[in-house]
Structure formats: structure tokens, C-alpha cells
Amino acid sequence: MAEQKKLGYDDTPMLPDVPWHVHDGNRPQPRVVTPGTFATQDAPGLPPSDAIILFNGENLDGWKGKNDTPAPWKVENGYMEVVPKTGDIVSREEFGDCQLHVEWAAPVEVSGDGQGRGNSGVFLMSRYEIQVLDCFENPTYPDGTTGGIYGQCPPLVNACRRPGQWQVYDIVWLAPRFAADKLVSPGRVTVFFNGVVIHHFREVWGPTTHRKLPTVTPHPPVGPLRLQDHNNPVRFRNIWYRPLKGYDVN
């Protein structure tokens, strides 16, 4: 049997805060993940091989409405659509730190302006809203612009496509940490909107609200994804997430 080639080194300096040498061959190898594909206007992209699918375009079995009832939005042609005045829906899956992918489209028929046009929201852990809104040639208050951390921080840029076209959020979320009743570290979010960075490791001050400052209270380390019914028939497709783990062992 051929001798296995040695990987790395064991005579190099130790790295700070981890039990590994520089170029340590005994350090755990990264998991292999098959990457997905990018979305087009005609079809959603394929998720990575380790993604957990929240909505696959076929049904709302992974979602629920008020009081744990079946999700009341409609599903057709591979997407779900808000049925106005039926209420928000939440995922049955709960998660914290994650990479989240959401594709959405505002109604092609433009109605209203400002916050009244293609309004919905993606609520991380059901508390922290990344605004969904049709801001294509439609200004509103900056911290309510598409992709904004609602009521707290505007996006760096407005990268909206035309109404009716599919838009893409890729979100990296690090949930807040609590020790007993004390906030140890705030939540932080990075958001790519249609491939453009609009937030980078941005601190989220607390649960997002309308016309109020956030109030920070301890909550569990995981929570469901919530999608908002804001009385506009916004569409969603290809929703998945990847838990982010391993920071403390690599």
C-alpha cells in the first residue's frame, strides 16, 4: 500500500485562540457542499446540497398562519402569493444563525405609492424585518426602503428591479446572544440584494417596529421565518436556509 502523503505541518507556530498550528494538517477538513445555481427571471435557482428547503413552489406544508392554522396564502406556478388581509405566515422550521435565500416579486400592476406599493417583509426569527417593497422609481422614507432594516437602517443602495420581476435576497444572519436577562452581543446582518451588498455586518438594535424605538428583551436562540401580509399580493419562491455552525471548532 502506498504511503499516504502527509498534509500540512506540525512544526509551525500555534495560531491564537485555537489548538492548531499554521497549516496544520490535522485540523478538521471543511465539509463538501455542492453549490447551487443562480436564479433567472424564468426559473428559480437550485439550492446548495445542504440547504433546508422552506418553500419549494409546490405547497405550504412547511408554513402556518394565525393560531397554528394552515397557511392561507395561495400557491400557483411555482410561487406563493400573499392573499391580502389573511395575515402573516411563519415557517414551521425555526433557526438562528443562517444563510437565507428568498426570491420575491412585487405586483406587475403598479398600485399606490410609497409604503403602499408592493409592501411585505422578511422577518428573521419572526422579529427582525428586512423590508420588502417596490421602490423602483418609488421613493419612501429611507429606513423603509426595499432591503432596509425596517425603522433602523436604510440599505446602502436601492437595487430594485422593475415591478413584476423577480428580486433576490441573500442574507447572512448572526442572531443576538443573551446571558440571562443581559444582551451579550446584538444581532448582525449582511444582505445582498440582486447581487449587490446593501448591508455588511450591520448591527440590528432590536426587534423592528413602526414609528417606535426597538425594545430589546431576551428570546430563544432560534425562531421561525415570518413573511408579512401588508395587503399587497407580493409573490415569493425558492426559500431556503443553511444553518451557520462551526465557528468555535475550526
Foldseek 3Di string as FASTA:
>chain_A
DDDDDQFFDDPADADPPARAHVRRSPADDDDDKAQWDCQDQQGHIGHIPQWDFQFFQPANPQKAFPPRHRDPWDGDPSKTWFDAPRWKMWGNDKAAFWWKKKKKFWALDFDDAACVGRWKWKAFLNFWTQTGGQCPVGDYPQCNAHRHRHPPGGFQDRPDDHGPTMKMKTKGKHDWDDDVFRTPGFIFMWIQINNRTRGDRHGDPAGHDPPDDHDHTDDDNIHIIMMTRPRGTMMIHGIIIDHDDDPNRD
